[in-house]
Amino acid sequence: QWLQSYEMSSPVLRRILCTVQHVLPHVAVFRLEYGDLALVASAQPLRFDYAAAAAGYGHADVQAVIESAANPRIPSTLPQLLSLQLCGPGRVQALCQGFETPLRIRRPEVEYRAPRDFFAKVWPKEMLRALDARLTPGSDTWLASAVAKLPAAQQPPRWRQDVRAFLAAQQIRGERPLVSALSPARADKTVPGLKLAHELPPLASVDAAGRKTWCQRVAQTIPWLVDSFDTQFGPVSEAPKLRAWHDACADRR
């Protein structure tokens, strides 16, 4: 089911999503083009077969159609496609906890609330952030599940770099920096602010006033260090110094 996320408020988006989940309790959410969501919903638990999906998506006919489009925003590999999944049924179920009033034809609330949201030019940023499980440890996305199950030797070569490059082309407004957060920063020269991240002094050597100044620079230059240190693939960096600065600066937000 296609679902727009633009020109509506977070409460309205939640009402629509949870109405679907009320009928079909197993819902996975994907982010498509700017402002567009796709819901994959089922009455039965969703089961994802990575090997079968990889074979299907890699089929010559499928790839020919993708190549003929010549659009960098269309995922050309299965990891790119799966990187668009915001969350699985577990996250949706948690967000819809306590929801008891599904939308009905005889009470079309969205029909009246949507024009008001359009006039107010609102954006459901809070709901989209709550849905996006990619920047959390223990994510229930299919890509995170595949990574956890596939040994490193069986993972597609350079697939992480491939996913980062694809996400960089999306440029979706108002979302957290996925490109930098999907990769360990210790060796990735493409991550914005990496130089400053490694120039940070040891936290214990800086007084309270200095920490405030450093945290202001960090928030402006390397917001991923403050906002989203843990991802579905593990921490952004394994450096204890960066973890310490994340904890210190995150408390000041």
C-alpha atoms as a PDB file:
ATOM      1  CA  GLN A   1       0.000   0.000   0.000  1.00  0.00           C
ATOM      2  CA  TRP A   2       1.394   3.413  -0.994  1.00  0.00           C
ATOM      3  CA  LEU A   3       1.147   6.088   1.691  1.00  0.00           C
ATOM      4  CA  GLN A   4       2.233   9.702   1.482  1.00  0.00           C
ATOM      5  CA  SER A   5       4.016  11.292   4.408  1.00  0.00           C
ATOM      6  CA  TYR A   6       4.098  14.879   3.161  1.00  0.00           C
ATOM      7  CA  GLU A   7       1.507  17.538   4.004  1.00  0.00           C
ATOM      8  CA  MET A   8       0.250  15.664   7.043  1.00  0.00           C
ATOM      9  CA  SER A   9       0.963  15.686  10.753  1.00  0.00           C
ATOM     10  CA  SER A  10       2.450  12.881  12.824  1.00  0.00           C
ATOM     11  CA  PRO A  11      -0.904  12.058  14.516  1.00  0.00           C
ATOM     12  CA  VAL A  12      -2.611  11.673  11.125  1.00  0.00           C
ATOM     13  CA  LEU A  13       0.192   9.499   9.762  1.00  0.00           C
ATOM     14  CA  ARG A  14      -0.020   7.331  12.879  1.00  0.00           C
ATOM     15  CA  ARG A  15      -3.795   6.969  12.529  1.00  0.00           C
ATOM     16  CA  ILE A  16      -3.454   5.728   8.939  1.00  0.00           C
ATOM     17  CA  LEU A  17      -0.549   3.384   9.670  1.00  0.00           C
ATOM     18  CA  CYS A  18      -2.161   1.937  12.772  1.00  0.00           C
ATOM     19  CA  THR A  19      -5.471   1.446  10.990  1.00  0.00           C
ATOM     20  CA  VAL A  20      -3.641  -0.776   8.515  1.00  0.00           C
ATOM     21  CA  GLN A  21      -1.870  -2.557  11.369  1.00  0.00           C
ATOM     22  CA  HIS A  22      -5.211  -2.995  13.148  1.00  0.00           C
ATOM     23  CA  VAL A  23      -6.453  -5.101  10.201  1.00  0.00           C
ATOM     24  CA  LEU A  24      -3.186  -6.671   9.020  1.00  0.00           C
ATOM     25  CA  PRO A  25      -1.004  -6.859  12.134  1.00  0.00           C
ATOM     26  CA  HIS A  26       2.338  -7.593  10.433  1.00  0.00           C
ATOM     27  CA  VAL A  27       3.547  -4.420   8.688  1.00  0.00           C
ATOM     28  CA  ALA A  28       6.940  -3.519   7.211  1.00  0.00           C
ATOM     29  CA  VAL A  29       7.538   0.109   6.190  1.00  0.00           C
ATOM     30  CA  PHE A  30       9.722   1.244   3.282  1.00  0.00           C
ATOM     31  CA  ARG A  31      10.751   4.784   2.309  1.00  0.00           C
ATOM     32  CA  LEU A  32      10.533   5.392  -1.432  1.00  0.00           C
ATOM     33  CA  GLU A  33      10.737   8.721  -3.216  1.00  0.00           C
ATOM     34  CA  TYR A  34      10.578  12.030  -1.372  1.00  0.00           C
ATOM     35  CA  GLY A  35       7.663  11.826   1.020  1.00  0.00           C
ATOM     36  CA  ASP A  36       6.452   8.414  -0.144  1.00  0.00           C
ATOM     37  CA  LEU A  37       6.101   5.315   2.008  1.00  0.00           C
ATOM     38  CA  ALA A  38       5.247   1.751   1.022  1.00  0.00           C
ATOM     39  CA  LEU A  39       3.571  -0.589   3.488  1.00  0.00           C
ATOM     40  CA  VAL A  40       3.941  -4.356   3.128  1.00  0.00           C
ATOM     41  CA  ALA A  41       1.215  -5.786   5.343  1.00  0.00           C
ATOM     42  CA  SER A  42       0.050  -9.314   6.050  1.00  0.00           C
ATOM     43  CA  ALA A  43      -2.338 -11.208   8.284  1.00  0.00           C
ATOM     44  CA  GLN A  44       0.430 -13.781   8.794  1.00  0.00           C
ATOM     45  CA  PRO A  45       4.011 -13.168   9.987  1.00  0.00           C
ATOM     46  CA  LEU A  46       6.246 -11.851   7.213  1.00  0.00           C
ATOM     47  CA  ARG A  47       9.108 -14.144   6.262  1.00  0.00           C
ATOM     48  CA  PHE A  48      12.001 -12.847   4.195  1.00  0.00           C
ATOM     49  CA  ASP A  49      14.310 -15.158   2.219  1.00  0.00           C
ATOM     50  CA  TYR A  50      17.466 -13.175   1.394  1.00  0.00           C
ATOM     51  CA  ALA A  51      18.865 -15.741  -1.047  1.00  0.00           C
ATOM     52  CA  ALA A  52      15.612 -16.001  -3.009  1.00  0.00           C
ATOM     53  CA  ALA A  53      15.208 -12.222  -3.075  1.00  0.00           C
ATOM     54  CA  ALA A  54      18.798 -11.748  -4.260  1.00  0.00           C
ATOM     55  CA  ALA A  55      18.244 -14.219  -7.090  1.00  0.00           C
ATOM     56  CA  GLY A  56      15.012 -12.528  -8.133  1.00  0.00           C
ATOM     57  CA  TYR A  57      16.315  -8.964  -7.954  1.00  0.00           C
ATOM     58  CA  GLY A  58      19.493  -9.939  -9.740  1.00  0.00           C
ATOM     59  CA  HIS A  59      17.631 -11.608 -12.621  1.00  0.00           C
ATOM     60  CA  ALA A  60      18.762 -10.337 -16.015  1.00  0.00           C
ATOM     61  CA  ASP A  61      15.287  -9.108 -16.983  1.00  0.00           C
ATOM     62  CA  VAL A  62      14.883  -7.157 -13.734  1.00  0.00           C
ATOM     63  CA  GLN A  63      18.323  -5.603 -14.053  1.00  0.00           C
ATOM     64  CA  ALA A  64      17.632  -4.673 -17.675  1.00  0.00           C
ATOM     65  CA  VAL A  65      14.562  -2.685 -16.658  1.00  0.00           C
ATOM     66  CA  ILE A  66      16.496  -0.931 -13.874  1.00  0.00           C
ATOM     67  CA  GLU A  67      19.380  -0.074 -16.206  1.00  0.00           C
ATOM     68  CA  SER A  68      17.026   1.241 -18.890  1.00  0.00           C
ATOM     69  CA  ALA A  69      15.594   3.731 -16.384  1.00  0.00           C
ATOM     70  CA  ALA A  70      19.076   5.229 -15.832  1.00  0.00           C
ATOM     71  CA  ASN A  71      17.951   6.723 -12.510  1.00  0.00           C
ATOM     72  CA  PRO A  72      20.404   6.651  -9.576  1.00  0.00           C
ATOM     73  CA  ARG A  73      17.465   6.854  -7.149  1.00  0.00           C
ATOM     74  CA  ILE A  74      16.253   3.403  -8.237  1.00  0.00           C
ATOM     75  CA  PRO A  75      18.021   0.643  -6.240  1.00  0.00           C
ATOM     76  CA  SER A  76      20.062  -1.590  -8.519  1.00  0.00           C
ATOM     77  CA  THR A  77      21.078  -4.162  -5.897  1.00  0.00           C
ATOM     78  CA  LEU A  78      19.164  -5.986  -3.190  1.00  0.00           C
ATOM     79  CA  PRO A  79      21.111  -4.321  -0.325  1.00  0.00           C
ATOM     80  CA  GLN A  80      20.230  -0.923  -1.823  1.00  0.00           C
ATOM     81  CA  LEU A  81      16.568  -1.905  -1.991  1.00  0.00           C
ATOM     82  CA  LEU A  82      16.562  -3.190   1.584  1.00  0.00           C
ATOM     83  CA  SER A  83      18.303  -0.039   2.830  1.00  0.00           C
ATOM     84  CA  LEU A  84      15.014   1.749   2.112  1.00  0.00           C
ATOM     85  CA  GLN A  85      13.174  -0.307   4.743  1.00  0.00           C
ATOM     86  CA  LEU A  86      12.573   1.881   7.763  1.00  0.00           C
ATOM     87  CA  CYS A  87      11.387  -0.878  10.065  1.00  0.00           C
ATOM     88  CA  GLY A  88       9.726  -4.231  10.438  1.00  0.00           C
ATOM     89  CA  PRO A  89       6.537  -5.334  12.214  1.00  0.00           C
ATOM     90  CA  GLY A  90       8.064  -5.064  15.678  1.00  0.00           C
ATOM     91  CA  ARG A  91       8.597  -1.303  15.461  1.00  0.00           C
ATOM     92  CA  VAL A  92       5.142  -0.700  13.953  1.00  0.00           C
ATOM     93  CA  GLN A  93       3.502  -2.801  16.651  1.00  0.00           C
ATOM     94  CA  ALA A  94       5.265  -0.798  19.357  1.00  0.00           C
ATOM     95  CA  LEU A  95       4.218   2.533  17.827  1.00  0.00           C
ATOM     96  CA  CYS A  96       0.606   1.363  17.542  1.00  0.00           C
ATOM     97  CA  GLN A  97       0.438   0.100  21.107  1.00  0.00           C
ATOM     98  CA  GLY A  98      -2.840   1.245  22.668  1.00  0.00           C
ATOM     99  CA  PHE A  99      -4.394   2.253  19.336  1.00  0.00           C
ATOM    100  CA  GLU A 100      -8.086   1.400  19.493  1.00  0.00           C
ATOM    101  CA  THR A 101      -9.891   3.741  17.076  1.00  0.00           C
ATOM    102  CA  PRO A 102      -9.207   2.734  13.447  1.00  0.00           C
ATOM    103  CA  LEU A 103     -10.392   4.983  10.650  1.00  0.00           C
ATOM    104  CA  ARG A 104     -13.711   4.019   9.097  1.00  0.00           C
ATOM    105  CA  ILE A 105     -15.649   5.146   6.027  1.00  0.00           C
ATOM    106  CA  ARG A 106     -18.479   6.539   8.169  1.00  0.00           C
ATOM    107  CA  ARG A 107     -16.011   8.711  10.090  1.00  0.00           C
ATOM    108  CA  PRO A 108     -13.434   9.925   7.510  1.00  0.00           C
ATOM    109  CA  GLU A 109     -11.322  12.025   9.851  1.00  0.00           C
ATOM    110  CA  VAL A 110      -8.330  12.192   7.521  1.00  0.00           C
ATOM    111  CA  GLU A 111     -10.510  13.798   4.846  1.00  0.00           C
ATOM    112  CA  TYR A 112     -10.933  16.787   7.157  1.00  0.00           C
ATOM    113  CA  ARG A 113      -7.598  16.803   8.939  1.00  0.00           C
ATOM    114  CA  ALA A 114      -5.445  16.488   5.807  1.00  0.00           C
ATOM    115  CA  PRO A 115      -6.511  19.865   4.317  1.00  0.00           C
ATOM    116  CA  ARG A 116      -5.702  21.534   7.620  1.00  0.00           C
ATOM    117  CA  ASP A 117      -2.263  19.907   7.643  1.00  0.00           C
ATOM    118  CA  PHE A 118      -1.755  20.978   4.025  1.00  0.00           C
ATOM    119  CA  PHE A 119      -2.588  24.577   4.907  1.00  0.00           C
ATOM    120  CA  ALA A 120      -0.243  24.484   7.910  1.00  0.00           C
ATOM    121  CA  LYS A 121       2.583  22.989   5.786  1.00  0.00           C
ATOM    122  CA  VAL A 122       3.375  20.409   8.455  1.00  0.00           C
ATOM    123  CA  TRP A 123       5.748  17.481   8.112  1.00  0.00           C
ATOM    124  CA  PRO A 124       5.477  14.300  10.260  1.00  0.00           C
ATOM    125  CA  LYS A 125       9.145  14.408  11.261  1.00  0.00           C
ATOM    126  CA  GLU A 126       8.544  12.921  14.704  1.00  0.00           C
ATOM    127  CA  MET A 127       6.650   9.932  13.318  1.00  0.00           C
ATOM    128  CA  LEU A 128       9.192   9.292  10.560  1.00  0.00           C
ATOM    129  CA  ARG A 129      12.028   9.331  13.078  1.00  0.00           C
ATOM    130  CA  ALA A 130      10.118   6.977  15.332  1.00  0.00           C
ATOM    131  CA  LEU A 131       9.575   4.592  12.413  1.00  0.00           C
ATOM    132  CA  ASP A 132      13.193   4.632  11.251  1.00  0.00           C
ATOM    133  CA  ALA A 133      14.823   1.680  13.001  1.00  0.00           C
ATOM    134  CA  ARG A 134      17.944   1.750  10.830  1.00  0.00           C
ATOM    135  CA  LEU A 135      19.767   3.951  13.301  1.00  0.00           C
ATOM    136  CA  THR A 136      19.152   1.783  16.309  1.00  0.00           C
ATOM    137  CA  PRO A 137      20.919  -1.331  17.559  1.00  0.00           C
ATOM    138  CA  GLY A 138      18.866  -4.478  17.312  1.00  0.00           C
ATOM    139  CA  SER A 139      16.960  -3.221  14.279  1.00  0.00           C
ATOM    140  CA  ASP A 140      14.200  -5.470  12.928  1.00  0.00           C
ATOM    141  CA  THR A 141      14.841  -4.603   9.265  1.00  0.00           C
ATOM    142  CA  TRP A 142      15.429  -7.422   6.797  1.00  0.00           C
ATOM    143  CA  LEU A 143      18.817  -6.001   5.850  1.00  0.00           C
ATOM    144  CA  ALA A 144      20.009  -6.047   9.446  1.00  0.00           C
ATOM    145  CA  SER A 145      18.715  -9.601   9.823  1.00  0.00           C
ATOM    146  CA  ALA A 146      20.559 -10.696   6.674  1.00  0.00           C
ATOM    147  CA  VAL A 147      23.797  -9.109   7.851  1.00  0.00           C
ATOM    148  CA  ALA A 148      23.512 -10.847  11.203  1.00  0.00           C
ATOM    149  CA  LYS A 149      23.006 -14.231   9.546  1.00  0.00           C
ATOM    150  CA  LEU A 150      25.468 -13.963   6.654  1.00  0.00           C
ATOM    151  CA  PRO A 151      29.124 -14.624   7.528  1.00  0.00           C
ATOM    152  CA  ALA A 152      31.459 -11.857   6.420  1.00  0.00           C
ATOM    153  CA  ALA A 153      32.913 -14.100   3.720  1.00  0.00           C
ATOM    154  CA  GLN A 154      29.469 -14.543   2.145  1.00  0.00           C
ATOM    155  CA  GLN A 155      28.458 -10.893   2.207  1.00  0.00           C
ATOM    156  CA  PRO A 156      28.517  -9.117  -1.171  1.00  0.00           C
ATOM    157  CA  PRO A 157      31.859  -7.323  -1.699  1.00  0.00           C
ATOM    158  CA  ARG A 158      31.794  -3.606  -0.876  1.00  0.00           C
ATOM    159  CA  TRP A 159      28.043  -3.772  -0.281  1.00  0.00           C
ATOM    160  CA  ARG A 160      28.241  -1.338   2.628  1.00  0.00           C
ATOM    161  CA  GLN A 161      29.959   1.260   0.434  1.00  0.00           C
ATOM    162  CA  ASP A 162      27.378   0.555  -2.252  1.00  0.00           C
ATOM    163  CA  VAL A 163      24.516   1.173   0.175  1.00  0.00           C
ATOM    164  CA  ARG A 164      26.102   4.413   1.439  1.00  0.00           C
ATOM    165  CA  ALA A 165      26.529   5.767  -2.095  1.00  0.00           C
ATOM    166  CA  PHE A 166      22.914   4.927  -2.897  1.00  0.00           C
ATOM    167  CA  LEU A 167      21.557   6.575   0.259  1.00  0.00           C
ATOM    168  CA  ALA A 168      23.641   9.679  -0.447  1.00  0.00           C
ATOM    169  CA  ALA A 169      21.744  10.112  -3.734  1.00  0.00           C
ATOM    170  CA  GLN A 170      18.376  10.072  -1.967  1.00  0.00           C
ATOM    171  CA  GLN A 171      18.816  13.398  -0.152  1.00  0.00           C
ATOM    172  CA  ILE A 172      15.583  13.129   1.820  1.00  0.00           C
ATOM    173  CA  ARG A 173      14.803  16.263   3.792  1.00  0.00           C
ATOM    174  CA  GLY A 174      14.738  16.341   7.561  1.00  0.00           C
ATOM    175  CA  GLU A 175      16.202  12.897   8.203  1.00  0.00           C
ATOM    176  CA  ARG A 176      19.236  11.865  10.169  1.00  0.00           C
ATOM    177  CA  PRO A 177      22.564  11.347   8.356  1.00  0.00           C
ATOM    178  CA  LEU A 178      22.158   7.733   7.303  1.00  0.00           C
ATOM    179  CA  VAL A 179      25.205   7.717   5.046  1.00  0.00           C
ATOM    180  CA  SER A 180      27.639   8.359   7.856  1.00  0.00           C
ATOM    181  CA  ALA A 181      25.794   6.215  10.368  1.00  0.00           C
ATOM    182  CA  LEU A 182      25.698   3.045   8.280  1.00  0.00           C
ATOM    183  CA  SER A 183      29.449   2.598   8.348  1.00  0.00           C
ATOM    184  CA  PRO A 184      32.162   2.480  11.029  1.00  0.00           C
ATOM    185  CA  ALA A 185      33.800   5.898  10.905  1.00  0.00           C
ATOM    186  CA  ARG A 186      37.261   4.685  11.852  1.00  0.00           C
ATOM    187  CA  ALA A 187      38.225   3.802   8.266  1.00  0.00           C
ATOM    188  CA  ASP A 188      35.675   5.570   6.083  1.00  0.00           C
ATOM    189  CA  LYS A 189      37.202   8.659   4.466  1.00  0.00           C
ATOM    190  CA  THR A 190      33.857   9.702   2.963  1.00  0.00           C
ATOM    191  CA  VAL A 191      32.146  10.301   6.306  1.00  0.00           C
ATOM    192  CA  PRO A 192      31.583  14.053   6.855  1.00  0.00           C
ATOM    193  CA  GLY A 193      33.420  15.443   9.869  1.00  0.00           C
ATOM    194  CA  LEU A 194      35.695  12.417  10.285  1.00  0.00           C
ATOM    195  CA  LYS A 195      38.811  14.591  10.568  1.00  0.00           C
ATOM    196  CA  LEU A 196      37.359  16.617  13.438  1.00  0.00           C
ATOM    197  CA  ALA A 197      36.094  13.444  15.098  1.00  0.00           C
ATOM    198  CA  HIS A 198      39.626  12.095  15.357  1.00  0.00           C
ATOM    199  CA  GLU A 199      41.028  15.477  16.468  1.00  0.00           C
ATOM    200  CA  LEU A 200      38.783  15.534  19.541  1.00  0.00           C
ATOM    201  CA  PRO A 201      40.862  15.578  22.730  1.00  0.00           C
ATOM    202  CA  PRO A 202      40.363  12.940  25.423  1.00  0.00           C
ATOM    203  CA  LEU A 203      37.172  13.824  27.265  1.00  0.00           C
ATOM    204  CA  ALA A 204      38.846  13.640  30.694  1.00  0.00           C
ATOM    205  CA  SER A 205      41.351  16.345  29.692  1.00  0.00           C
ATOM    206  CA  VAL A 206      38.663  18.977  29.001  1.00  0.00           C
ATOM    207  CA  ASP A 207      36.889  21.042  31.664  1.00  0.00           C
ATOM    208  CA  ALA A 208      33.162  21.774  31.675  1.00  0.00           C
ATOM    209  CA  ALA A 209      33.460  25.001  29.664  1.00  0.00           C
ATOM    210  CA  GLY A 210      35.668  23.292  27.104  1.00  0.00           C
ATOM    211  CA  ARG A 211      33.236  20.412  26.757  1.00  0.00           C
ATOM    212  CA  LYS A 212      30.433  22.839  26.005  1.00  0.00           C
ATOM    213  CA  THR A 213      32.509  24.490  23.268  1.00  0.00           C
ATOM    214  CA  TRP A 214      33.567  21.167  21.752  1.00  0.00           C
ATOM    215  CA  CYS A 215      30.006  19.858  21.843  1.00  0.00           C
ATOM    216  CA  GLN A 216      28.799  22.916  19.941  1.00  0.00           C
ATOM    217  CA  ARG A 217      31.406  22.258  17.224  1.00  0.00           C
ATOM    218  CA  VAL A 218      30.496  18.577  17.151  1.00  0.00           C
ATOM    219  CA  ALA A 219      26.770  19.304  16.795  1.00  0.00           C
ATOM    220  CA  GLN A 220      27.449  21.631  13.846  1.00  0.00           C
ATOM    221  CA  THR A 221      30.140  19.630  12.044  1.00  0.00           C
ATOM    222  CA  ILE A 222      29.552  15.959  12.884  1.00  0.00           C
ATOM    223  CA  PRO A 223      25.926  15.676  14.040  1.00  0.00           C
ATOM    224  CA  TRP A 224      25.962  11.904  13.509  1.00  0.00           C
ATOM    225  CA  LEU A 225      28.386  11.611  16.420  1.00  0.00           C
ATOM    226  CA  VAL A 226      25.788  13.121  18.744  1.00  0.00           C
ATOM    227  CA  ASP A 227      22.551  11.991  17.193  1.00  0.00           C
ATOM    228  CA  SER A 228      22.982   8.418  15.988  1.00  0.00           C
ATOM    229  CA  PHE A 229      26.010   6.579  17.292  1.00  0.00           C
ATOM    230  CA  ASP A 230      24.445   3.117  17.228  1.00  0.00           C
ATOM    231  CA  THR A 231      23.013   1.632  14.040  1.00  0.00           C
ATOM    232  CA  GLN A 232      21.474  -1.600  12.817  1.00  0.00           C
ATOM    233  CA  PHE A 233      25.019  -2.706  11.905  1.00  0.00           C
ATOM    234  CA  GLY A 234      26.596  -1.794  15.230  1.00  0.00           C
ATOM    235  CA  PRO A 235      28.228   1.415  16.482  1.00  0.00           C
ATOM    236  CA  VAL A 236      29.413   4.092  14.084  1.00  0.00           C
ATOM    237  CA  SER A 237      32.880   3.736  15.562  1.00  0.00           C
ATOM    238  CA  GLU A 238      34.597   1.351  17.938  1.00  0.00           C
ATOM    239  CA  ALA A 239      36.823   4.139  19.313  1.00  0.00           C
ATOM    240  CA  PRO A 240      36.164   4.575  23.056  1.00  0.00           C
ATOM    241  CA  LYS A 241      37.028   8.289  22.774  1.00  0.00           C
ATOM    242  CA  LEU A 242      34.249   8.921  20.273  1.00  0.00           C
ATOM    243  CA  ARG A 243      31.774   6.954  22.370  1.00  0.00           C
ATOM    244  CA  ALA A 244      32.685   9.096  25.380  1.00  0.00           C
ATOM    245  CA  TRP A 245      32.163  12.320  23.413  1.00  0.00           C
ATOM    246  CA  HIS A 246      28.865  11.022  22.077  1.00  0.00           C
ATOM    247  CA  ASP A 247      27.612  10.366  25.613  1.00  0.00           C
ATOM    248  CA  ALA A 248      28.818  13.767  26.843  1.00  0.00           C
ATOM    249  CA  CYS A 249      27.396  15.798  23.948  1.00  0.00           C
ATOM    250  CA  ALA A 250      24.152  13.879  23.659  1.00  0.00           C
ATOM    251  CA  ASP A 251      23.332  14.874  27.240  1.00  0.00           C
ATOM    252  CA  ARG A 252      23.599  18.563  26.244  1.00  0.00           C
ATOM    253  CA  ARG A 253      21.024  18.467  23.448  1.00  0.00           C
END
